[in-house]
Amino acid sequence: MGLSIDYSGGECSHPYTHKIFILTNYVLLGAASSCIFLTLSLRLIPSLVGFLLILLHIITIAGAISGCAAAARSASSAGKFYGAHMVATVLTAIFQGSVSVLIFTKPSDFLDHLQSYVREEDGVVILKLAGGLCILMFFLEWVVLTVAFFLNYYAYMERKGINGGSAKVGDANGRRWSLPFQV
Protein backbone atom coordinates (compact mmCIF):
# COMPACT_ATOMS: atom_id res chain seq x y z
CA MET A 1 0.00 0.00 0.00
CA GLY A 2 1.30 3.45 -0.79
CA LEU A 3 4.10 4.45 -3.09
CA SER A 4 6.54 1.61 -3.52
CA ILE A 5 8.80 1.28 -6.50
CA ASP A 6 11.16 -1.65 -6.79
CA TYR A 7 14.61 -0.78 -8.15
CA SER A 8 16.26 -4.07 -7.26
CA GLY A 9 17.01 -4.75 -10.93
CA GLY A 10 19.59 -1.97 -10.91
CA GLU A 11 17.88 -0.07 -13.74
CA CYS A 12 17.55 3.22 -11.90
CA SER A 13 20.51 4.97 -10.38
CA HIS A 14 18.36 7.81 -9.05
CA PRO A 15 15.41 6.20 -7.21
CA TYR A 16 14.58 9.28 -5.12
CA THR A 17 14.24 11.43 -8.22
CA HIS A 18 11.88 8.84 -9.70
CA LYS A 19 9.85 8.79 -6.50
CA ILE A 20 9.55 12.60 -6.50
CA PHE A 21 8.47 12.48 -10.15
CA ILE A 22 5.82 9.86 -9.55
CA LEU A 23 4.59 11.48 -6.34
CA THR A 24 4.15 14.88 -8.01
CA ASN A 25 2.30 13.20 -10.88
CA TYR A 26 -0.02 11.49 -8.39
CA VAL A 27 -0.75 14.78 -6.62
CA LEU A 28 -1.32 16.39 -10.01
CA LEU A 29 -3.75 13.60 -10.87
CA GLY A 30 -5.70 14.15 -7.65
CA ALA A 31 -5.84 17.92 -8.04
CA ALA A 32 -7.05 17.71 -11.65
CA SER A 33 -9.78 15.20 -10.82
CA SER A 34 -10.86 17.38 -7.87
CA CYS A 35 -11.12 20.36 -10.21
CA ILE A 36 -13.32 18.33 -12.53
CA PHE A 37 -15.67 17.50 -9.67
CA LEU A 38 -15.73 21.13 -8.51
CA THR A 39 -16.58 22.26 -12.05
CA LEU A 40 -19.33 19.66 -12.30
CA SER A 41 -20.71 20.81 -8.94
CA LEU A 42 -21.36 24.21 -10.49
CA ARG A 43 -23.40 22.71 -13.31
CA LEU A 44 -23.88 19.03 -13.97
CA ILE A 45 -24.10 19.43 -17.73
CA PRO A 46 -21.45 22.08 -18.36
CA SER A 47 -21.59 24.96 -20.80
CA LEU A 48 -18.97 25.37 -23.52
CA VAL A 49 -16.59 27.16 -21.14
CA GLY A 50 -17.16 24.50 -18.48
CA PHE A 51 -16.55 21.77 -21.05
CA LEU A 52 -13.27 23.41 -22.09
CA LEU A 53 -12.25 23.70 -18.43
CA ILE A 54 -13.02 20.02 -17.88
CA LEU A 55 -11.12 19.17 -21.09
CA LEU A 56 -8.08 21.05 -19.75
CA HIS A 57 -8.18 18.98 -16.58
CA ILE A 58 -8.61 15.76 -18.57
CA ILE A 59 -5.52 16.65 -20.61
CA THR A 60 -3.69 17.33 -17.34
CA ILE A 61 -4.74 13.90 -16.07
CA ALA A 62 -3.60 12.27 -19.32
CA GLY A 63 -0.22 14.01 -19.01
CA ALA A 64 0.19 12.82 -15.42
CA ILE A 65 -0.72 9.26 -16.36
CA SER A 66 1.68 9.27 -19.31
CA GLY A 67 4.38 10.67 -17.03
CA CYS A 68 3.87 7.84 -14.56
CA ALA A 69 3.91 5.32 -17.39
CA ALA A 70 7.09 6.81 -18.84
CA ALA A 71 8.77 6.68 -15.43
CA ALA A 72 7.96 2.99 -15.17
CA ARG A 73 9.62 2.23 -18.53
CA SER A 74 13.31 1.74 -19.08
CA ALA A 75 15.43 4.76 -19.93
CA SER A 76 15.83 3.77 -23.58
CA SER A 77 12.12 3.45 -24.37
CA ALA A 78 11.02 6.41 -22.22
CA GLY A 79 13.01 8.80 -24.40
CA LYS A 80 10.42 8.56 -27.17
CA PHE A 81 7.70 9.97 -24.97
CA TYR A 82 9.83 12.66 -23.35
CA GLY A 83 9.23 15.37 -25.96
CA ALA A 84 5.49 14.81 -26.17
CA HIS A 85 5.20 14.76 -22.38
CA MET A 86 7.15 18.02 -22.09
CA VAL A 87 5.07 19.83 -24.71
CA ALA A 88 1.77 18.68 -23.20
CA THR A 89 2.90 19.61 -19.69
CA VAL A 90 4.08 23.08 -20.73
CA LEU A 91 0.82 23.82 -22.54
CA THR A 92 -1.36 22.60 -19.70
CA ALA A 93 0.75 24.55 -17.19
CA ILE A 94 0.27 27.74 -19.19
CA PHE A 95 -3.48 27.19 -19.46
CA GLN A 96 -3.80 26.23 -15.77
CA GLY A 97 -2.06 29.47 -14.82
CA SER A 98 -4.33 31.46 -17.13
CA VAL A 99 -7.45 29.84 -15.73
CA SER A 100 -6.37 30.56 -12.17
CA VAL A 101 -5.77 34.23 -13.03
CA LEU A 102 -9.23 34.43 -14.63
CA ILE A 103 -10.86 32.78 -11.64
CA PHE A 104 -9.23 35.04 -9.06
CA THR A 105 -9.57 38.33 -10.98
CA LYS A 106 -13.14 38.00 -12.28
CA PRO A 107 -14.91 35.17 -10.41
CA SER A 108 -18.47 36.43 -11.00
CA ASP A 109 -17.89 36.91 -14.75
CA PHE A 110 -16.29 33.48 -14.99
CA LEU A 111 -19.26 32.03 -13.11
CA ASP A 112 -21.64 33.71 -15.58
CA HIS A 113 -19.79 32.08 -18.50
CA LEU A 114 -20.11 28.70 -16.78
CA GLN A 115 -23.90 29.30 -16.59
CA SER A 116 -24.05 27.84 -13.11
CA TYR A 117 -27.26 26.94 -11.27
CA VAL A 118 -25.60 27.56 -7.90
CA ARG A 119 -26.11 30.82 -5.97
CA GLU A 120 -23.45 33.36 -6.85
CA GLU A 121 -21.89 33.47 -3.37
CA ASP A 122 -21.57 29.69 -3.23
CA GLY A 123 -20.37 29.54 -6.82
CA VAL A 124 -17.62 32.06 -6.14
CA VAL A 125 -16.41 29.96 -3.18
CA ILE A 126 -16.40 26.81 -5.35
CA LEU A 127 -14.57 28.70 -8.10
CA LYS A 128 -11.94 29.97 -5.67
CA LEU A 129 -11.38 26.41 -4.48
CA ALA A 130 -10.93 25.35 -8.11
CA GLY A 131 -8.65 28.35 -8.68
CA GLY A 132 -6.48 27.33 -5.74
CA LEU A 133 -6.20 23.85 -7.20
CA CYS A 134 -5.31 25.37 -10.59
CA ILE A 135 -2.48 27.31 -8.94
CA LEU A 136 -1.31 24.10 -7.26
CA MET A 137 -1.39 22.29 -10.60
CA PHE A 138 0.50 25.15 -12.27
CA PHE A 139 3.39 24.84 -9.82
CA LEU A 140 3.30 21.04 -9.76
CA GLU A 141 3.53 20.88 -13.54
CA TRP A 142 6.69 23.00 -13.45
CA VAL A 143 8.09 20.69 -10.78
CA VAL A 144 7.24 17.72 -13.01
CA LEU A 145 8.97 19.40 -15.94
CA THR A 146 12.10 20.05 -13.91
CA VAL A 147 12.28 16.54 -12.47
CA ALA A 148 11.56 15.01 -15.90
CA PHE A 149 14.44 17.03 -17.33
CA PHE A 150 16.80 15.71 -14.66
CA LEU A 151 15.61 12.13 -15.19
CA ASN A 152 16.17 12.45 -18.93
CA TYR A 153 19.59 13.99 -18.33
CA TYR A 154 20.58 11.18 -15.96
CA ALA A 155 19.38 8.57 -18.49
CA TYR A 156 21.36 10.27 -21.25
CA MET A 157 24.50 10.31 -19.12
CA GLU A 158 24.07 6.64 -18.24
CA ARG A 159 23.49 5.68 -21.91
CA LYS A 160 26.65 7.48 -22.95
CA GLY A 161 28.59 5.96 -20.09
CA ILE A 162 29.61 9.31 -18.71
CA ASN A 163 30.26 9.31 -15.00
CA GLY A 164 29.40 12.57 -13.28
CA GLY A 165 32.55 12.52 -11.13
CA SER A 166 35.22 12.21 -13.81
CA ALA A 167 36.51 15.22 -15.70
CA LYS A 168 38.51 14.42 -18.82
CA VAL A 169 39.85 16.79 -21.43
CA GLY A 170 40.77 15.59 -24.88
CA ASP A 171 42.31 16.92 -28.04
CA ALA A 172 41.12 16.67 -31.63
CA ASN A 173 42.81 13.25 -32.09
CA GLY A 174 40.76 11.68 -29.30
CA ARG A 175 43.57 11.48 -26.75
CA ARG A 176 42.34 12.15 -23.22
CA TRP A 177 44.24 13.99 -20.53
CA SER A 178 43.44 13.93 -16.87
CA LEU A 179 42.92 17.25 -15.17
CA PRO A 180 45.23 19.05 -14.48
CA PHE A 181 47.28 18.49 -17.58
CA GLN A 182 50.75 19.71 -18.53
CA VAL A 183 51.06 22.41 -21.17
C-alpha atoms as a PDB file:
ATOM      1  CA  MET A   1       0.000   0.000   0.000  1.00  0.00           C
ATOM      2  CA  GLY A   2       1.296   3.445  -0.792  1.00  0.00           C
ATOM      3  CA  LEU A   3       4.098   4.451  -3.090  1.00  0.00           C
ATOM      4  CA  SER A   4       6.541   1.609  -3.515  1.00  0.00           C
ATOM      5  CA  ILE A   5       8.799   1.283  -6.503  1.00  0.00           C
ATOM      6  CA  ASP A   6      11.158  -1.653  -6.793  1.00  0.00           C
ATOM      7  CA  TYR A   7      14.608  -0.780  -8.148  1.00  0.00           C
ATOM      8  CA  SER A   8      16.262  -4.075  -7.263  1.00  0.00           C
ATOM      9  CA  GLY A   9      17.010  -4.745 -10.927  1.00  0.00           C
ATOM     10  CA  GLY A  10      19.593  -1.972 -10.909  1.00  0.00           C
ATOM     11  CA  GLU A  11      17.882  -0.073 -13.739  1.00  0.00           C
ATOM     12  CA  CYS A  12      17.546   3.217 -11.898  1.00  0.00           C
ATOM     13  CA  SER A  13      20.510   4.970 -10.380  1.00  0.00           C
ATOM     14  CA  HIS A  14      18.356   7.807  -9.047  1.00  0.00           C
ATOM     15  CA  PRO A  15      15.413   6.201  -7.215  1.00  0.00           C
ATOM     16  CA  TYR A  16      14.579   9.277  -5.120  1.00  0.00           C
ATOM     17  CA  THR A  17      14.244  11.433  -8.219  1.00  0.00           C
ATOM     18  CA  HIS A  18      11.882   8.844  -9.705  1.00  0.00           C
ATOM     19  CA  LYS A  19       9.847   8.794  -6.500  1.00  0.00           C
ATOM     20  CA  ILE A  20       9.553  12.595  -6.500  1.00  0.00           C
ATOM     21  CA  PHE A  21       8.474  12.484 -10.153  1.00  0.00           C
ATOM     22  CA  ILE A  22       5.815   9.860  -9.554  1.00  0.00           C
ATOM     23  CA  LEU A  23       4.588  11.482  -6.335  1.00  0.00           C
ATOM     24  CA  THR A  24       4.146  14.878  -8.006  1.00  0.00           C
ATOM     25  CA  ASN A  25       2.302  13.204 -10.879  1.00  0.00           C
ATOM     26  CA  TYR A  26      -0.020  11.492  -8.391  1.00  0.00           C
ATOM     27  CA  VAL A  27      -0.753  14.781  -6.616  1.00  0.00           C
ATOM     28  CA  LEU A  28      -1.321  16.389 -10.013  1.00  0.00           C
ATOM     29  CA  LEU A  29      -3.748  13.602 -10.872  1.00  0.00           C
ATOM     30  CA  GLY A  30      -5.699  14.146  -7.654  1.00  0.00           C
ATOM     31  CA  ALA A  31      -5.836  17.922  -8.044  1.00  0.00           C
ATOM     32  CA  ALA A  32      -7.052  17.713 -11.649  1.00  0.00           C
ATOM     33  CA  SER A  33      -9.780  15.202 -10.817  1.00  0.00           C
ATOM     34  CA  SER A  34     -10.857  17.376  -7.870  1.00  0.00           C
ATOM     35  CA  CYS A  35     -11.120  20.356 -10.212  1.00  0.00           C
ATOM     36  CA  ILE A  36     -13.325  18.330 -12.534  1.00  0.00           C
ATOM     37  CA  PHE A  37     -15.673  17.496  -9.672  1.00  0.00           C
ATOM     38  CA  LEU A  38     -15.733  21.128  -8.511  1.00  0.00           C
ATOM     39  CA  THR A  39     -16.581  22.259 -12.052  1.00  0.00           C
ATOM     40  CA  LEU A  40     -19.330  19.655 -12.296  1.00  0.00           C
ATOM     41  CA  SER A  41     -20.709  20.808  -8.937  1.00  0.00           C
ATOM     42  CA  LEU A  42     -21.365  24.209 -10.485  1.00  0.00           C
ATOM     43  CA  ARG A  43     -23.400  22.712 -13.313  1.00  0.00           C
ATOM     44  CA  LEU A  44     -23.881  19.028 -13.966  1.00  0.00           C
ATOM     45  CA  ILE A  45     -24.104  19.431 -17.729  1.00  0.00           C
ATOM     46  CA  PRO A  46     -21.449  22.077 -18.358  1.00  0.00           C
ATOM     47  CA  SER A  47     -21.587  24.959 -20.797  1.00  0.00           C
ATOM     48  CA  LEU A  48     -18.972  25.368 -23.518  1.00  0.00           C
ATOM     49  CA  VAL A  49     -16.587  27.164 -21.144  1.00  0.00           C
ATOM     50  CA  GLY A  50     -17.165  24.498 -18.484  1.00  0.00           C
ATOM     51  CA  PHE A  51     -16.551  21.771 -21.048  1.00  0.00           C
ATOM     52  CA  LEU A  52     -13.269  23.405 -22.088  1.00  0.00           C
ATOM     53  CA  LEU A  53     -12.253  23.698 -18.434  1.00  0.00           C
ATOM     54  CA  ILE A  54     -13.020  20.016 -17.881  1.00  0.00           C
ATOM     55  CA  LEU A  55     -11.121  19.165 -21.090  1.00  0.00           C
ATOM     56  CA  LEU A  56      -8.083  21.048 -19.753  1.00  0.00           C
ATOM     57  CA  HIS A  57      -8.185  18.979 -16.576  1.00  0.00           C
ATOM     58  CA  ILE A  58      -8.610  15.760 -18.573  1.00  0.00           C
ATOM     59  CA  ILE A  59      -5.521  16.649 -20.613  1.00  0.00           C
ATOM     60  CA  THR A  60      -3.686  17.328 -17.336  1.00  0.00           C
ATOM     61  CA  ILE A  61      -4.740  13.895 -16.069  1.00  0.00           C
ATOM     62  CA  ALA A  62      -3.596  12.269 -19.322  1.00  0.00           C
ATOM     63  CA  GLY A  63      -0.222  14.009 -19.013  1.00  0.00           C
ATOM     64  CA  ALA A  64       0.192  12.824 -15.424  1.00  0.00           C
ATOM     65  CA  ILE A  65      -0.721   9.258 -16.362  1.00  0.00           C
ATOM     66  CA  SER A  66       1.685   9.272 -19.307  1.00  0.00           C
ATOM     67  CA  GLY A  67       4.384  10.672 -17.030  1.00  0.00           C
ATOM     68  CA  CYS A  68       3.875   7.842 -14.560  1.00  0.00           C
ATOM     69  CA  ALA A  69       3.908   5.318 -17.387  1.00  0.00           C
ATOM     70  CA  ALA A  70       7.093   6.807 -18.842  1.00  0.00           C
ATOM     71  CA  ALA A  71       8.768   6.683 -15.433  1.00  0.00           C
ATOM     72  CA  ALA A  72       7.965   2.990 -15.174  1.00  0.00           C
ATOM     73  CA  ARG A  73       9.625   2.225 -18.527  1.00  0.00           C
ATOM     74  CA  SER A  74      13.306   1.740 -19.077  1.00  0.00           C
ATOM     75  CA  ALA A  75      15.432   4.757 -19.932  1.00  0.00           C
ATOM     76  CA  SER A  76      15.833   3.766 -23.581  1.00  0.00           C
ATOM     77  CA  SER A  77      12.119   3.453 -24.370  1.00  0.00           C
ATOM     78  CA  ALA A  78      11.024   6.410 -22.220  1.00  0.00           C
ATOM     79  CA  GLY A  79      13.015   8.803 -24.404  1.00  0.00           C
ATOM     80  CA  LYS A  80      10.417   8.557 -27.169  1.00  0.00           C
ATOM     81  CA  PHE A  81       7.696   9.968 -24.970  1.00  0.00           C
ATOM     82  CA  TYR A  82       9.833  12.660 -23.351  1.00  0.00           C
ATOM     83  CA  GLY A  83       9.228  15.368 -25.964  1.00  0.00           C
ATOM     84  CA  ALA A  84       5.494  14.814 -26.168  1.00  0.00           C
ATOM     85  CA  HIS A  85       5.203  14.761 -22.379  1.00  0.00           C
ATOM     86  CA  MET A  86       7.154  18.019 -22.087  1.00  0.00           C
ATOM     87  CA  VAL A  87       5.067  19.832 -24.711  1.00  0.00           C
ATOM     88  CA  ALA A  88       1.770  18.683 -23.197  1.00  0.00           C
ATOM     89  CA  THR A  89       2.900  19.609 -19.691  1.00  0.00           C
ATOM     90  CA  VAL A  90       4.082  23.083 -20.734  1.00  0.00           C
ATOM     91  CA  LEU A  91       0.821  23.816 -22.541  1.00  0.00           C
ATOM     92  CA  THR A  92      -1.361  22.604 -19.699  1.00  0.00           C
ATOM     93  CA  ALA A  93       0.749  24.546 -17.187  1.00  0.00           C
ATOM     94  CA  ILE A  94       0.271  27.744 -19.191  1.00  0.00           C
ATOM     95  CA  PHE A  95      -3.480  27.185 -19.456  1.00  0.00           C
ATOM     96  CA  GLN A  96      -3.798  26.230 -15.773  1.00  0.00           C
ATOM     97  CA  GLY A  97      -2.062  29.470 -14.822  1.00  0.00           C
ATOM     98  CA  SER A  98      -4.325  31.456 -17.135  1.00  0.00           C
ATOM     99  CA  VAL A  99      -7.455  29.844 -15.732  1.00  0.00           C
ATOM    100  CA  SER A 100      -6.372  30.557 -12.166  1.00  0.00           C
ATOM    101  CA  VAL A 101      -5.767  34.226 -13.032  1.00  0.00           C
ATOM    102  CA  LEU A 102      -9.225  34.434 -14.632  1.00  0.00           C
ATOM    103  CA  ILE A 103     -10.858  32.780 -11.643  1.00  0.00           C
ATOM    104  CA  PHE A 104      -9.227  35.044  -9.065  1.00  0.00           C
ATOM    105  CA  THR A 105      -9.569  38.329 -10.984  1.00  0.00           C
ATOM    106  CA  LYS A 106     -13.145  37.999 -12.276  1.00  0.00           C
ATOM    107  CA  PRO A 107     -14.911  35.174 -10.410  1.00  0.00           C
ATOM    108  CA  SER A 108     -18.467  36.435 -11.002  1.00  0.00           C
ATOM    109  CA  ASP A 109     -17.888  36.914 -14.752  1.00  0.00           C
ATOM    110  CA  PHE A 110     -16.295  33.480 -14.992  1.00  0.00           C
ATOM    111  CA  LEU A 111     -19.263  32.027 -13.112  1.00  0.00           C
ATOM    112  CA  ASP A 112     -21.637  33.710 -15.583  1.00  0.00           C
ATOM    113  CA  HIS A 113     -19.785  32.084 -18.495  1.00  0.00           C
ATOM    114  CA  LEU A 114     -20.108  28.704 -16.784  1.00  0.00           C
ATOM    115  CA  GLN A 115     -23.898  29.296 -16.590  1.00  0.00           C
ATOM    116  CA  SER A 116     -24.053  27.836 -13.113  1.00  0.00           C
ATOM    117  CA  TYR A 117     -27.259  26.943 -11.265  1.00  0.00           C
ATOM    118  CA  VAL A 118     -25.599  27.558  -7.896  1.00  0.00           C
ATOM    119  CA  ARG A 119     -26.108  30.822  -5.974  1.00  0.00           C
ATOM    120  CA  GLU A 120     -23.447  33.365  -6.852  1.00  0.00           C
ATOM    121  CA  GLU A 121     -21.890  33.471  -3.369  1.00  0.00           C
ATOM    122  CA  ASP A 122     -21.571  29.686  -3.231  1.00  0.00           C
ATOM    123  CA  GLY A 123     -20.369  29.543  -6.824  1.00  0.00           C
ATOM    124  CA  VAL A 124     -17.623  32.064  -6.137  1.00  0.00           C
ATOM    125  CA  VAL A 125     -16.413  29.960  -3.184  1.00  0.00           C
ATOM    126  CA  ILE A 126     -16.403  26.814  -5.345  1.00  0.00           C
ATOM    127  CA  LEU A 127     -14.574  28.698  -8.098  1.00  0.00           C
ATOM    128  CA  LYS A 128     -11.936  29.972  -5.674  1.00  0.00           C
ATOM    129  CA  LEU A 129     -11.379  26.405  -4.484  1.00  0.00           C
ATOM    130  CA  ALA A 130     -10.931  25.352  -8.106  1.00  0.00           C
ATOM    131  CA  GLY A 131      -8.649  28.346  -8.680  1.00  0.00           C
ATOM    132  CA  GLY A 132      -6.477  27.326  -5.741  1.00  0.00           C
ATOM    133  CA  LEU A 133      -6.198  23.853  -7.199  1.00  0.00           C
ATOM    134  CA  CYS A 134      -5.308  25.371 -10.586  1.00  0.00           C
ATOM    135  CA  ILE A 135      -2.476  27.311  -8.939  1.00  0.00           C
ATOM    136  CA  LEU A 136      -1.307  24.097  -7.257  1.00  0.00           C
ATOM    137  CA  MET A 137      -1.393  22.287 -10.599  1.00  0.00           C
ATOM    138  CA  PHE A 138       0.502  25.146 -12.266  1.00  0.00           C
ATOM    139  CA  PHE A 139       3.389  24.842  -9.820  1.00  0.00           C
ATOM    140  CA  LEU A 140       3.301  21.037  -9.764  1.00  0.00           C
ATOM    141  CA  GLU A 141       3.531  20.884 -13.541  1.00  0.00           C
ATOM    142  CA  TRP A 142       6.689  22.998 -13.449  1.00  0.00           C
ATOM    143  CA  VAL A 143       8.089  20.688 -10.775  1.00  0.00           C
ATOM    144  CA  VAL A 144       7.237  17.716 -13.005  1.00  0.00           C
ATOM    145  CA  LEU A 145       8.969  19.401 -15.944  1.00  0.00           C
ATOM    146  CA  THR A 146      12.102  20.053 -13.914  1.00  0.00           C
ATOM    147  CA  VAL A 147      12.282  16.544 -12.472  1.00  0.00           C
ATOM    148  CA  ALA A 148      11.564  15.008 -15.897  1.00  0.00           C
ATOM    149  CA  PHE A 149      14.435  17.025 -17.335  1.00  0.00           C
ATOM    150  CA  PHE A 150      16.798  15.713 -14.659  1.00  0.00           C
ATOM    151  CA  LEU A 151      15.609  12.134 -15.191  1.00  0.00           C
ATOM    152  CA  ASN A 152      16.166  12.445 -18.932  1.00  0.00           C
ATOM    153  CA  TYR A 153      19.586  13.994 -18.332  1.00  0.00           C
ATOM    154  CA  TYR A 154      20.577  11.176 -15.963  1.00  0.00           C
ATOM    155  CA  ALA A 155      19.377   8.571 -18.485  1.00  0.00           C
ATOM    156  CA  TYR A 156      21.361  10.267 -21.247  1.00  0.00           C
ATOM    157  CA  MET A 157      24.503  10.310 -19.119  1.00  0.00           C
ATOM    158  CA  GLU A 158      24.073   6.635 -18.242  1.00  0.00           C
ATOM    159  CA  ARG A 159      23.494   5.682 -21.906  1.00  0.00           C
ATOM    160  CA  LYS A 160      26.647   7.485 -22.947  1.00  0.00           C
ATOM    161  CA  GLY A 161      28.593   5.956 -20.093  1.00  0.00           C
ATOM    162  CA  ILE A 162      29.608   9.314 -18.710  1.00  0.00           C
ATOM    163  CA  ASN A 163      30.258   9.306 -15.004  1.00  0.00           C
ATOM    164  CA  GLY A 164      29.401  12.573 -13.283  1.00  0.00           C
ATOM    165  CA  GLY A 165      32.554  12.518 -11.135  1.00  0.00           C
ATOM    166  CA  SER A 166      35.224  12.214 -13.810  1.00  0.00           C
ATOM    167  CA  ALA A 167      36.506  15.222 -15.695  1.00  0.00           C
ATOM    168  CA  LYS A 168      38.511  14.424 -18.817  1.00  0.00           C
ATOM    169  CA  VAL A 169      39.850  16.789 -21.426  1.00  0.00           C
ATOM    170  CA  GLY A 170      40.772  15.591 -24.878  1.00  0.00           C
ATOM    171  CA  ASP A 171      42.307  16.923 -28.042  1.00  0.00           C
ATOM    172  CA  ALA A 172      41.123  16.672 -31.626  1.00  0.00           C
ATOM    173  CA  ASN A 173      42.809  13.253 -32.088  1.00  0.00           C
ATOM    174  CA  GLY A 174      40.764  11.676 -29.303  1.00  0.00           C
ATOM    175  CA  ARG A 175      43.566  11.477 -26.746  1.00  0.00           C
ATOM    176  CA  ARG A 176      42.342  12.154 -23.222  1.00  0.00           C
ATOM    177  CA  TRP A 177      44.236  13.993 -20.532  1.00  0.00           C
ATOM    178  CA  SER A 178      43.442  13.928 -16.872  1.00  0.00           C
ATOM    179  CA  LEU A 179      42.924  17.252 -15.167  1.00  0.00           C
ATOM    180  CA  PRO A 180      45.231  19.045 -14.483  1.00  0.00           C
ATOM    181  CA  PHE A 181      47.284  18.491 -17.581  1.00  0.00           C
ATOM    182  CA  GLN A 182      50.755  19.707 -18.535  1.00  0.00           C
ATOM    183  CA  VAL A 183      51.065  22.415 -21.171  1.00  0.00           C
END
